[in-house]
Amino acid sequence: MAELLDYATLRPETGTFITPAMKKREDDIVWSIELKGQRIYLYLLLEFQSSIDRGMPVRMMQYVAALYDHLVRTKAIDLADGLSPALPIVIYNGDARWKHSLEELVFRPGRQ
């Protein structure tokens, strides 16, 4: 995939993403780059927390939705063309080793 990216088109995207459901995000970094002629967004979320957040998948969906909302409102993308791909990335820096699998973090009905 790295060979398909046009690194000459890499650029930082500006914007602070605020929604009623979450606080202002200060540690978000969004870059865009062209992949085979289509602009895609790399969403790097720097979460400096010392414990594992089991709700992180839901939080990431909220952050990506806020990013899309920003892109639509600023006319960076047109919904008639569909949504550009976004790759959310979370960096964990806790002292304890990350030992939870994706299955343990995702809500499953009947599980407490």
PDB file of N, CA and C in Angstrom:
ATOM      1  N   MET A   1       0.817  -1.187   0.000  1.00  0.00           N
ATOM      2  CA  MET A   1       0.000   0.000   0.000  1.00  0.00           C
ATOM      3  C   MET A   1       0.867   1.259   0.000  1.00  0.00           C
ATOM      4  N   ALA A   2       2.009   1.205   0.690  1.00  0.00           N
ATOM      5  CA  ALA A   2       2.893   2.367   0.775  1.00  0.00           C
ATOM      6  C   ALA A   2       3.326   2.840  -0.604  1.00  0.00           C
ATOM      7  N   GLU A   3       3.453   1.926  -1.552  1.00  0.00           N
ATOM      8  CA  GLU A   3       3.866   2.298  -2.901  1.00  0.00           C
ATOM      9  C   GLU A   3       2.766   3.038  -3.659  1.00  0.00           C
ATOM     10  N   LEU A   4       1.523   2.902  -3.218  1.00  0.00           N
ATOM     11  CA  LEU A   4       0.395   3.544  -3.896  1.00  0.00           C
ATOM     12  C   LEU A   4       0.164   4.976  -3.417  1.00  0.00           C
ATOM     13  N   LEU A   5       0.804   5.365  -2.319  1.00  0.00           N
ATOM     14  CA  LEU A   5       0.621   6.705  -1.766  1.00  0.00           C
ATOM     15  C   LEU A   5       1.486   7.715  -2.501  1.00  0.00           C
ATOM     16  N   ASP A   6       0.924   8.883  -2.751  1.00  0.00           N
ATOM     17  CA  ASP A   6       1.657   9.984  -3.381  1.00  0.00           C
ATOM     18  C   ASP A   6       2.137  10.909  -2.261  1.00  0.00           C
ATOM     19  N   TYR A   7       3.350  10.700  -1.797  1.00  0.00           N
ATOM     20  CA  TYR A   7       3.871  11.435  -0.641  1.00  0.00           C
ATOM     21  C   TYR A   7       4.014  12.934  -0.897  1.00  0.00           C
ATOM     22  N   ALA A   8       4.056  13.331  -2.147  1.00  0.00           N
ATOM     23  CA  ALA A   8       4.126  14.760  -2.471  1.00  0.00           C
ATOM     24  C   ALA A   8       2.817  15.469  -2.111  1.00  0.00           C
ATOM     25  N   THR A   9       1.729  14.695  -1.923  1.00  0.00           N
ATOM     26  CA  THR A   9       0.431  15.294  -1.599  1.00  0.00           C
ATOM     27  C   THR A   9       0.137  15.265  -0.096  1.00  0.00           C
ATOM     28  N   LEU A  10       1.048  14.769   0.707  1.00  0.00           N
ATOM     29  CA  LEU A  10       0.841  14.693   2.159  1.00  0.00           C
ATOM     30  C   LEU A  10       0.733  16.097   2.746  1.00  0.00           C
ATOM     31  N   ARG A  11      -0.340  16.340   3.524  1.00  0.00           N
ATOM     32  CA  ARG A  11      -0.500  17.651   4.131  1.00  0.00           C
ATOM     33  C   ARG A  11      -1.264  17.530   5.449  1.00  0.00           C
ATOM     34  N   PRO A  12      -0.908  18.370   6.407  1.00  0.00           N
ATOM     35  CA  PRO A  12      -1.665  18.381   7.671  1.00  0.00           C
ATOM     36  C   PRO A  12      -3.013  19.054   7.441  1.00  0.00           C
ATOM     37  N   GLU A  13      -4.036  18.547   8.090  1.00  0.00           N
ATOM     38  CA  GLU A  13      -5.373  19.132   8.005  1.00  0.00           C
ATOM     39  C   GLU A  13      -5.636  19.894   9.298  1.00  0.00           C
ATOM     40  N   THR A  14      -6.243  21.041   9.180  1.00  0.00           N
ATOM     41  CA  THR A  14      -6.531  21.842  10.357  1.00  0.00           C
ATOM     42  C   THR A  14      -7.960  21.620  10.806  1.00  0.00           C
ATOM     43  N   GLY A  15      -8.198  21.951  12.060  1.00  0.00           N
ATOM     44  CA  GLY A  15      -9.544  21.855  12.593  1.00  0.00           C
ATOM     45  C   GLY A  15      -9.533  21.264  13.982  1.00  0.00           C
ATOM     46  N   THR A  16     -10.429  21.763  14.794  1.00  0.00           N
ATOM     47  CA  THR A  16     -10.649  21.212  16.119  1.00  0.00           C
ATOM     48  C   THR A  16     -12.033  20.615  16.094  1.00  0.00           C
ATOM     49  N   PHE A  17     -12.146  19.395  16.540  1.00  0.00           N
ATOM     50  CA  PHE A  17     -13.397  18.679  16.419  1.00  0.00           C
ATOM     51  C   PHE A  17     -14.156  18.725  17.732  1.00  0.00           C
ATOM     52  N   ILE A  18     -15.339  19.355  17.705  1.00  0.00           N
ATOM     53  CA  ILE A  18     -16.144  19.511  18.904  1.00  0.00           C
ATOM     54  C   ILE A  18     -17.544  18.991  18.607  1.00  0.00           C
ATOM     55  N   THR A  19     -18.057  18.154  19.455  1.00  0.00           N
ATOM     56  CA  THR A  19     -19.446  17.725  19.361  1.00  0.00           C
ATOM     57  C   THR A  19     -20.047  17.831  20.754  1.00  0.00           C
ATOM     58  N   PRO A  20     -21.369  17.891  20.851  1.00  0.00           N
ATOM     59  CA  PRO A  20     -21.991  17.969  22.174  1.00  0.00           C
ATOM     60  C   PRO A  20     -21.665  16.767  23.059  1.00  0.00           C
ATOM     61  N   ALA A  21     -21.395  15.621  22.432  1.00  0.00           N
ATOM     62  CA  ALA A  21     -21.165  14.401  23.208  1.00  0.00           C
ATOM     63  C   ALA A  21     -19.743  14.275  23.743  1.00  0.00           C
ATOM     64  N   MET A  22     -18.854  15.172  23.333  1.00  0.00           N
ATOM     65  CA  MET A  22     -17.472  15.032  23.792  1.00  0.00           C
ATOM     66  C   MET A  22     -16.830  16.393  23.984  1.00  0.00           C
ATOM     67  N   LYS A  23     -15.773  16.380  24.738  1.00  0.00           N
ATOM     68  CA  LYS A  23     -15.057  17.627  24.984  1.00  0.00           C
ATOM     69  C   LYS A  23     -14.218  18.015  23.768  1.00  0.00           C
ATOM     70  N   LYS A  24     -13.697  19.212  23.784  1.00  0.00           N
ATOM     71  CA  LYS A  24     -12.824  19.682  22.717  1.00  0.00           C
ATOM     72  C   LYS A  24     -11.587  18.785  22.661  1.00  0.00           C
ATOM     73  N   ARG A  25     -11.222  18.358  21.459  1.00  0.00           N
ATOM     74  CA  ARG A  25     -10.074  17.482  21.279  1.00  0.00           C
ATOM     75  C   ARG A  25      -8.856  18.339  20.965  1.00  0.00           C
ATOM     76  N   GLU A  26      -7.858  18.286  21.822  1.00  0.00           N
ATOM     77  CA  GLU A  26      -6.640  19.072  21.597  1.00  0.00           C
ATOM     78  C   GLU A  26      -5.494  18.215  21.071  1.00  0.00           C
ATOM     79  N   ASP A  27      -5.601  16.906  21.188  1.00  0.00           N
ATOM     80  CA  ASP A  27      -4.489  16.039  20.846  1.00  0.00           C
ATOM     81  C   ASP A  27      -4.701  15.276  19.557  1.00  0.00           C
ATOM     82  N   ASP A  28      -5.587  15.770  18.703  1.00  0.00           N
ATOM     83  CA  ASP A  28      -5.844  15.110  17.434  1.00  0.00           C
ATOM     84  C   ASP A  28      -4.904  15.648  16.371  1.00  0.00           C
ATOM     85  N   ILE A  29      -4.429  14.755  15.538  1.00  0.00           N
ATOM     86  CA  ILE A  29      -3.607  15.138  14.403  1.00  0.00           C
ATOM     87  C   ILE A  29      -4.202  14.448  13.190  1.00  0.00           C
ATOM     88  N   VAL A  30      -4.551  15.224  12.184  1.00  0.00           N
ATOM     89  CA  VAL A  30      -5.122  14.656  10.971  1.00  0.00           C
ATOM     90  C   VAL A  30      -4.248  15.071   9.795  1.00  0.00           C
ATOM     91  N   TRP A  31      -3.858  14.087   9.018  1.00  0.00           N
ATOM     92  CA  TRP A  31      -3.108  14.317   7.796  1.00  0.00           C
ATOM     93  C   TRP A  31      -3.930  13.746   6.646  1.00  0.00           C
ATOM     94  N   SER A  32      -3.759  14.290   5.476  1.00  0.00           N
ATOM     95  CA  SER A  32      -4.378  13.692   4.298  1.00  0.00           C
ATOM     96  C   SER A  32      -3.289  13.423   3.272  1.00  0.00           C
ATOM     97  N   ILE A  33      -3.567  12.457   2.425  1.00  0.00           N
ATOM     98  CA  ILE A  33      -2.621  12.049   1.390  1.00  0.00           C
ATOM     99  C   ILE A  33      -3.425  11.419   0.266  1.00  0.00           C
ATOM    100  N   GLU A  34      -2.903  11.468  -0.945  1.00  0.00           N
ATOM    101  CA  GLU A  34      -3.604  10.848  -2.057  1.00  0.00           C
ATOM    102  C   GLU A  34      -3.158   9.405  -2.225  1.00  0.00           C
ATOM    103  N   LEU A  35      -4.156   8.549  -2.408  1.00  0.00           N
ATOM    104  CA  LEU A  35      -3.952   7.133  -2.666  1.00  0.00           C
ATOM    105  C   LEU A  35      -4.602   6.832  -4.009  1.00  0.00           C
ATOM    106  N   LYS A  36      -3.806   6.604  -5.011  1.00  0.00           N
ATOM    107  CA  LYS A  36      -4.304   6.355  -6.365  1.00  0.00           C
ATOM    108  C   LYS A  36      -5.255   7.455  -6.810  1.00  0.00           C
ATOM    109  N   GLY A  37      -4.894   8.717  -6.526  1.00  0.00           N
ATOM    110  CA  GLY A  37      -5.683   9.855  -6.967  1.00  0.00           C
ATOM    111  C   GLY A  37      -6.835  10.247  -6.053  1.00  0.00           C
ATOM    112  N   GLN A  38      -7.092   9.469  -4.998  1.00  0.00           N
ATOM    113  CA  GLN A  38      -8.170   9.797  -4.056  1.00  0.00           C
ATOM    114  C   GLN A  38      -7.561  10.258  -2.733  1.00  0.00           C
ATOM    115  N   ARG A  39      -8.072  11.371  -2.198  1.00  0.00           N
ATOM    116  CA  ARG A  39      -7.572  11.889  -0.923  1.00  0.00           C
ATOM    117  C   ARG A  39      -8.132  11.038   0.200  1.00  0.00           C
ATOM    118  N   ILE A  40      -7.238  10.543   1.067  1.00  0.00           N
ATOM    119  CA  ILE A  40      -7.644   9.797   2.253  1.00  0.00           C
ATOM    120  C   ILE A  40      -7.133  10.538   3.481  1.00  0.00           C
ATOM    121  N   TYR A  41      -7.716  10.241   4.634  1.00  0.00           N
ATOM    122  CA  TYR A  41      -7.388  10.948   5.871  1.00  0.00           C
ATOM    123  C   TYR A  41      -6.819   9.976   6.883  1.00  0.00           C
ATOM    124  N   LEU A  42      -5.705  10.371   7.477  1.00  0.00           N
ATOM    125  CA  LEU A  42      -5.065   9.597   8.532  1.00  0.00           C
ATOM    126  C   LEU A  42      -5.334  10.341   9.833  1.00  0.00           C
ATOM    127  N   TYR A  43      -6.066   9.739  10.728  1.00  0.00           N
ATOM    128  CA  TYR A  43      -6.477  10.375  11.967  1.00  0.00           C
ATOM    129  C   TYR A  43      -5.650   9.769  13.096  1.00  0.00           C
ATOM    130  N   LEU A  44      -4.694  10.526  13.598  1.00  0.00           N
ATOM    131  CA  LEU A  44      -3.834  10.064  14.684  1.00  0.00           C
ATOM    132  C   LEU A  44      -4.347  10.675  15.977  1.00  0.00           C
ATOM    133  N   LEU A  45      -4.845   9.841  16.854  1.00  0.00           N
ATOM    134  CA  LEU A  45      -5.389  10.286  18.126  1.00  0.00           C
ATOM    135  C   LEU A  45      -4.373   9.968  19.208  1.00  0.00           C
ATOM    136  N   LEU A  46      -3.811  11.007  19.800  1.00  0.00           N
ATOM    137  CA  LEU A  46      -2.831  10.811  20.864  1.00  0.00           C
ATOM    138  C   LEU A  46      -3.565  10.773  22.202  1.00  0.00           C
ATOM    139  N   GLU A  47      -3.739   9.593  22.736  1.00  0.00           N
ATOM    140  CA  GLU A  47      -4.427   9.410  24.006  1.00  0.00           C
ATOM    141  C   GLU A  47      -3.370   9.103  25.062  1.00  0.00           C
ATOM    142  N   PHE A  48      -3.011  10.091  25.808  1.00  0.00           N
ATOM    143  CA  PHE A  48      -2.022   9.897  26.854  1.00  0.00           C
ATOM    144  C   PHE A  48      -2.747   9.519  28.134  1.00  0.00           C
ATOM    145  N   GLN A  49      -3.010   8.237  28.291  1.00  0.00           N
ATOM    146  CA  GLN A  49      -3.699   7.741  29.470  1.00  0.00           C
ATOM    147  C   GLN A  49      -2.961   6.521  29.975  1.00  0.00           C
ATOM    148  N   SER A  50      -3.064   6.316  31.263  1.00  0.00           N
ATOM    149  CA  SER A  50      -2.276   5.243  31.885  1.00  0.00           C
ATOM    150  C   SER A  50      -3.044   3.941  32.019  1.00  0.00           C
ATOM    151  N   SER A  51      -4.314   3.933  31.664  1.00  0.00           N
ATOM    152  CA  SER A  51      -5.075   2.691  31.757  1.00  0.00           C
ATOM    153  C   SER A  51      -5.774   2.419  30.434  1.00  0.00           C
ATOM    154  N   ILE A  52      -6.124   1.182  30.231  1.00  0.00           N
ATOM    155  CA  ILE A  52      -6.789   0.773  29.000  1.00  0.00           C
ATOM    156  C   ILE A  52      -8.253   1.180  29.090  1.00  0.00           C
ATOM    157  N   ASP A  53      -8.751   1.809  28.041  1.00  0.00           N
ATOM    158  CA  ASP A  53     -10.132   2.274  27.985  1.00  0.00           C
ATOM    159  C   ASP A  53     -10.934   1.290  27.143  1.00  0.00           C
ATOM    160  N   ARG A  54     -11.792   0.522  27.800  1.00  0.00           N
ATOM    161  CA  ARG A  54     -12.594  -0.475  27.073  1.00  0.00           C
ATOM    162  C   ARG A  54     -13.570   0.177  26.102  1.00  0.00           C
ATOM    163  N   GLY A  55     -13.867   1.450  26.294  1.00  0.00           N
ATOM    164  CA  GLY A  55     -14.778   2.161  25.408  1.00  0.00           C
ATOM    165  C   GLY A  55     -14.098   2.831  24.231  1.00  0.00           C
ATOM    166  N   MET A  56     -12.807   2.577  24.045  1.00  0.00           N
ATOM    167  CA  MET A  56     -12.058   3.243  22.979  1.00  0.00           C
ATOM    168  C   MET A  56     -12.659   3.020  21.585  1.00  0.00           C
ATOM    169  N   PRO A  57     -13.154   1.828  21.240  1.00  0.00           N
ATOM    170  CA  PRO A  57     -13.749   1.687  19.899  1.00  0.00           C
ATOM    171  C   PRO A  57     -14.912   2.646  19.678  1.00  0.00           C
ATOM    172  N   VAL A  58     -15.752   2.847  20.683  1.00  0.00           N
ATOM    173  CA  VAL A  58     -16.875   3.770  20.548  1.00  0.00           C
ATOM    174  C   VAL A  58     -16.373   5.201  20.465  1.00  0.00           C
ATOM    175  N   ARG A  59     -15.400   5.543  21.293  1.00  0.00           N
ATOM    176  CA  ARG A  59     -14.829   6.889  21.248  1.00  0.00           C
ATOM    177  C   ARG A  59     -14.226   7.168  19.884  1.00  0.00           C
ATOM    178  N   MET A  60     -13.532   6.196  19.302  1.00  0.00           N
ATOM    179  CA  MET A  60     -12.931   6.399  17.987  1.00  0.00           C
ATOM    180  C   MET A  60     -14.005   6.641  16.929  1.00  0.00           C
ATOM    181  N   MET A  61     -15.129   5.922  17.028  1.00  0.00           N
ATOM    182  CA  MET A  61     -16.212   6.170  16.080  1.00  0.00           C
ATOM    183  C   MET A  61     -16.719   7.601  16.214  1.00  0.00           C
ATOM    184  N   GLN A  62     -16.820   8.106  17.451  1.00  0.00           N
ATOM    185  CA  GLN A  62     -17.261   9.488  17.661  1.00  0.00           C
ATOM    186  C   GLN A  62     -16.273  10.478  17.049  1.00  0.00           C
ATOM    187  N   TYR A  63     -14.987  10.239  17.249  1.00  0.00           N
ATOM    188  CA  TYR A  63     -13.969  11.145  16.732  1.00  0.00           C
ATOM    189  C   TYR A  63     -13.956  11.152  15.213  1.00  0.00           C
ATOM    190  N   VAL A  64     -14.075   9.976  14.595  1.00  0.00           N
ATOM    191  CA  VAL A  64     -14.081   9.905  13.134  1.00  0.00           C
ATOM    192  C   VAL A  64     -15.345  10.572  12.593  1.00  0.00           C
ATOM    193  N   ALA A  65     -16.488  10.374  13.277  1.00  0.00           N
ATOM    194  CA  ALA A  65     -17.728  11.048  12.856  1.00  0.00           C
ATOM    195  C   ALA A  65     -17.562  12.560  12.946  1.00  0.00           C
ATOM    196  N   ALA A  66     -16.895  13.059  13.999  1.00  0.00           N
ATOM    197  CA  ALA A  66     -16.652  14.496  14.131  1.00  0.00           C
ATOM    198  C   ALA A  66     -15.730  14.987  13.019  1.00  0.00           C
ATOM    199  N   LEU A  67     -14.743  14.183  12.645  1.00  0.00           N
ATOM    200  CA  LEU A  67     -13.861  14.539  11.529  1.00  0.00           C
ATOM    201  C   LEU A  67     -14.667  14.661  10.241  1.00  0.00           C
ATOM    202  N   TYR A  68     -15.510  13.670   9.942  1.00  0.00           N
ATOM    203  CA  TYR A  68     -16.334  13.733   8.740  1.00  0.00           C
ATOM    204  C   TYR A  68     -17.258  14.945   8.770  1.00  0.00           C
ATOM    205  N   ASP A  69     -17.850  15.232   9.917  1.00  0.00           N
ATOM    206  CA  ASP A  69     -18.721  16.397  10.047  1.00  0.00           C
ATOM    207  C   ASP A  69     -17.952  17.670   9.698  1.00  0.00           C
ATOM    208  N   HIS A  70     -16.736  17.774  10.212  1.00  0.00           N
ATOM    209  CA  HIS A  70     -15.885  18.937   9.921  1.00  0.00           C
ATOM    210  C   HIS A  70     -15.579  19.026   8.421  1.00  0.00           C
ATOM    211  N   LEU A  71     -15.235  17.894   7.808  1.00  0.00           N
ATOM    212  CA  LEU A  71     -14.898  17.887   6.386  1.00  0.00           C
ATOM    213  C   LEU A  71     -16.093  18.290   5.525  1.00  0.00           C
ATOM    214  N   VAL A  72     -17.298  17.861   5.914  1.00  0.00           N
ATOM    215  CA  VAL A  72     -18.498  18.226   5.170  1.00  0.00           C
ATOM    216  C   VAL A  72     -18.822  19.710   5.361  1.00  0.00           C
ATOM    217  N   ARG A  73     -18.780  20.179   6.626  1.00  0.00           N
ATOM    218  CA  ARG A  73     -19.110  21.583   6.907  1.00  0.00           C
ATOM    219  C   ARG A  73     -18.150  22.547   6.217  1.00  0.00           C
ATOM    220  N   THR A  74     -16.874  22.183   6.127  1.00  0.00           N
ATOM    221  CA  THR A  74     -15.886  23.062   5.498  1.00  0.00           C
ATOM    222  C   THR A  74     -15.788  22.830   3.987  1.00  0.00           C
ATOM    223  N   LYS A  75     -16.622  21.926   3.490  1.00  0.00           N
ATOM    224  CA  LYS A  75     -16.672  21.604   2.062  1.00  0.00           C
ATOM    225  C   LYS A  75     -15.363  20.995   1.544  1.00  0.00           C
ATOM    226  N   ALA A  76     -14.627  20.354   2.431  1.00  0.00           N
ATOM    227  CA  ALA A  76     -13.418  19.640   2.014  1.00  0.00           C
ATOM    228  C   ALA A  76     -13.792  18.377   1.254  1.00  0.00           C
ATOM    229  N   ILE A  77     -14.965  17.831   1.565  1.00  0.00           N
ATOM    230  CA  ILE A  77     -15.490  16.689   0.828  1.00  0.00           C
ATOM    231  C   ILE A  77     -16.944  16.989   0.478  1.00  0.00           C
ATOM    232  N   ASP A  78     -17.427  16.316  -0.563  1.00  0.00           N
ATOM    233  CA  ASP A  78     -18.810  16.448  -0.994  1.00  0.00           C
ATOM    234  C   ASP A  78     -19.465  15.081  -0.783  1.00  0.00           C
ATOM    235  N   LEU A  79     -20.556  15.043  -0.030  1.00  0.00           N
ATOM    236  CA  LEU A  79     -21.214  13.773   0.257  1.00  0.00           C
ATOM    237  C   LEU A  79     -21.696  13.071  -1.009  1.00  0.00           C
ATOM    238  N   ALA A  80     -21.935  13.833  -2.067  1.00  0.00           N
ATOM    239  CA  ALA A  80     -22.347  13.220  -3.329  1.00  0.00           C
ATOM    240  C   ALA A  80     -21.247  12.310  -3.877  1.00  0.00           C
ATOM    241  N   ASP A  81     -20.002  12.589  -3.499  1.00  0.00           N
ATOM    242  CA  ASP A  81     -18.864  11.772  -3.944  1.00  0.00           C
ATOM    243  C   ASP A  81     -18.573  10.619  -2.989  1.00  0.00           C
ATOM    244  N   GLY A  82     -19.298  10.546  -1.878  1.00  0.00           N
ATOM    245  CA  GLY A  82     -19.043   9.516  -0.873  1.00  0.00           C
ATOM    246  C   GLY A  82     -18.004  10.009   0.124  1.00  0.00           C
ATOM    247  N   LEU A  83     -17.863   9.273   1.189  1.00  0.00           N
ATOM    248  CA  LEU A  83     -16.887   9.643   2.222  1.00  0.00           C
ATOM    249  C   LEU A  83     -15.499   9.159   1.850  1.00  0.00           C
ATOM    250  N   SER A  84     -14.508  10.000   2.087  1.00  0.00           N
ATOM    251  CA  SER A  84     -13.123   9.593   1.885  1.00  0.00           C
ATOM    252  C   SER A  84     -12.742   8.605   2.976  1.00  0.00           C
ATOM    253  N   PRO A  85     -11.893   7.645   2.670  1.00  0.00           N
ATOM    254  CA  PRO A  85     -11.465   6.725   3.720  1.00  0.00           C
ATOM    255  C   PRO A  85     -10.737   7.469   4.836  1.00  0.00           C
ATOM    256  N   ALA A  86     -10.929   7.011   6.053  1.00  0.00           N
ATOM    257  CA  ALA A  86     -10.214   7.554   7.218  1.00  0.00           C
ATOM    258  C   ALA A  86      -9.615   6.385   7.976  1.00  0.00           C
ATOM    259  N   LEU A  87      -8.370   6.515   8.350  1.00  0.00           N
ATOM    260  CA  LEU A  87      -7.678   5.472   9.093  1.00  0.00           C
ATOM    261  C   LEU A  87      -7.394   5.988  10.500  1.00  0.00           C
ATOM    262  N   PRO A  88      -8.219   5.620  11.487  1.00  0.00           N
ATOM    263  CA  PRO A  88      -7.959   6.086  12.855  1.00  0.00           C
ATOM    264  C   PRO A  88      -6.853   5.245  13.491  1.00  0.00           C
ATOM    265  N   ILE A  89      -5.958   5.903  14.190  1.00  0.00           N
ATOM    266  CA  ILE A  89      -4.841   5.231  14.853  1.00  0.00           C
ATOM    267  C   ILE A  89      -4.801   5.709  16.299  1.00  0.00           C
ATOM    268  N   VAL A  90      -4.713   4.776  17.237  1.00  0.00           N
ATOM    269  CA  VAL A  90      -4.607   5.117  18.654  1.00  0.00           C
ATOM    270  C   VAL A  90      -3.236   4.688  19.149  1.00  0.00           C
ATOM    271  N   ILE A  91      -2.573   5.574  19.877  1.00  0.00           N
ATOM    272  CA  ILE A  91      -1.284   5.246  20.494  1.00  0.00           C
ATOM    273  C   ILE A  91      -1.510   5.136  21.995  1.00  0.00           C
ATOM    274  N   TYR A  92      -1.200   3.992  22.538  1.00  0.00           N
ATOM    275  CA  TYR A  92      -1.350   3.748  23.979  1.00  0.00           C
ATOM    276  C   TYR A  92       0.025   3.843  24.633  1.00  0.00           C
ATOM    277  N   ASN A  93       0.122   4.591  25.746  1.00  0.00           N
ATOM    278  CA  ASN A  93       1.428   4.738  26.392  1.00  0.00           C
ATOM    279  C   ASN A  93       1.392   4.415  27.886  1.00  0.00           C
ATOM    280  N   GLY A  94       0.476   3.549  28.286  1.00  0.00           N
ATOM    281  CA  GLY A  94       0.391   3.185  29.696  1.00  0.00           C
ATOM    282  C   GLY A  94       1.592   2.381  30.148  1.00  0.00           C
ATOM    283  N   ASP A  95       1.789   2.327  31.459  1.00  0.00           N
ATOM    284  CA  ASP A  95       2.898   1.556  32.014  1.00  0.00           C
ATOM    285  C   ASP A  95       2.664   0.053  31.869  1.00  0.00           C
ATOM    286  N   ALA A  96       1.413  -0.360  32.062  1.00  0.00           N
ATOM    287  CA  ALA A  96       1.091  -1.784  31.941  1.00  0.00           C
ATOM    288  C   ALA A  96       1.047  -2.174  30.471  1.00  0.00           C
ATOM    289  N   ARG A  97       1.497  -3.383  30.195  1.00  0.00           N
ATOM    290  CA  ARG A  97       1.473  -3.881  28.828  1.00  0.00           C
ATOM    291  C   ARG A  97       0.024  -4.032  28.362  1.00  0.00           C
ATOM    292  N   TRP A  98      -0.234  -3.656  27.112  1.00  0.00           N
ATOM    293  CA  TRP A  98      -1.565  -3.820  26.546  1.00  0.00           C
ATOM    294  C   TRP A  98      -1.805  -5.318  26.404  1.00  0.00           C
ATOM    295  N   LYS A  99      -2.792  -5.827  27.112  1.00  0.00           N
ATOM    296  CA  LYS A  99      -3.016  -7.272  27.099  1.00  0.00           C
ATOM    297  C   LYS A  99      -4.440  -7.639  26.740  1.00  0.00           C
ATOM    298  N   HIS A 100      -5.231  -6.672  26.337  1.00  0.00           N
ATOM    299  CA  HIS A 100      -6.613  -6.946  25.978  1.00  0.00           C
ATOM    300  C   HIS A 100      -6.738  -7.107  24.470  1.00  0.00           C
ATOM    301  N   SER A 101      -7.494  -8.112  24.079  1.00  0.00           N
ATOM    302  CA  SER A 101      -7.740  -8.316  22.659  1.00  0.00           C
ATOM    303  C   SER A 101      -8.888  -7.423  22.216  1.00  0.00           C
ATOM    304  N   LEU A 102      -9.048  -7.290  20.918  1.00  0.00           N
ATOM    305  CA  LEU A 102     -10.145  -6.504  20.380  1.00  0.00           C
ATOM    306  C   LEU A 102     -11.480  -7.053  20.880  1.00  0.00           C
ATOM    307  N   GLU A 103     -11.585  -8.372  20.962  1.00  0.00           N
ATOM    308  CA  GLU A 103     -12.828  -8.992  21.411  1.00  0.00           C
ATOM    309  C   GLU A 103     -13.166  -8.584  22.845  1.00  0.00           C
ATOM    310  N   GLU A 104     -12.180  -8.360  23.676  1.00  0.00           N
ATOM    311  CA  GLU A 104     -12.424  -7.953  25.060  1.00  0.00           C
ATOM    312  C   GLU A 104     -12.858  -6.494  25.156  1.00  0.00           C
ATOM    313  N   LEU A 105     -12.519  -5.693  24.164  1.00  0.00           N
ATOM    314  CA  LEU A 105     -12.848  -4.268  24.199  1.00  0.00           C
ATOM    315  C   LEU A 105     -14.211  -3.966  23.591  1.00  0.00           C
ATOM    316  N   VAL A 106     -14.684  -4.831  22.722  1.00  0.00           N
ATOM    317  CA  VAL A 106     -15.938  -4.572  22.023  1.00  0.00           C
ATOM    318  C   VAL A 106     -17.105  -5.109  22.837  1.00  0.00           C
ATOM    319  N   PHE A 107     -18.170  -4.325  22.912  1.00  0.00           N
ATOM    320  CA  PHE A 107     -19.370  -4.719  23.640  1.00  0.00           C
ATOM    321  C   PHE A 107     -20.024  -5.903  22.956  1.00  0.00           C
ATOM    322  N   ARG A 108     -20.394  -6.896  23.762  1.00  0.00           N
ATOM    323  CA  ARG A 108     -21.157  -8.038  23.255  1.00  0.00           C
ATOM    324  C   ARG A 108     -22.400  -8.168  24.119  1.00  0.00           C
ATOM    325  N   PRO A 109     -23.580  -8.306  23.486  1.00  0.00           N
ATOM    326  CA  PRO A 109     -24.810  -8.436  24.272  1.00  0.00           C
ATOM    327  C   PRO A 109     -24.720  -9.578  25.276  1.00  0.00           C
ATOM    328  N   GLY A 110     -25.275  -9.348  26.444  1.00  0.00           N
ATOM    329  CA  GLY A 110     -25.290 -10.375  27.492  1.00  0.00           C
ATOM    330  C   GLY A 110     -24.037 -10.379  28.361  1.00  0.00           C
ATOM    331  N   ARG A 111     -23.045  -9.582  27.996  1.00  0.00           N
ATOM    332  CA  ARG A 111     -21.801  -9.542  28.760  1.00  0.00           C
ATOM    333  C   ARG A 111     -21.808  -8.349  29.696  1.00  0.00           C
ATOM    334  N   GLN A 112     -21.456  -8.563  30.910  1.00  0.00           N
ATOM    335  CA  GLN A 112     -21.423  -7.480  31.908  1.00  0.00           C
ATOM    336  C   GLN A 112     -20.061  -6.846  31.945  1.00  0.00           C
TER     337      GLN A 112
END
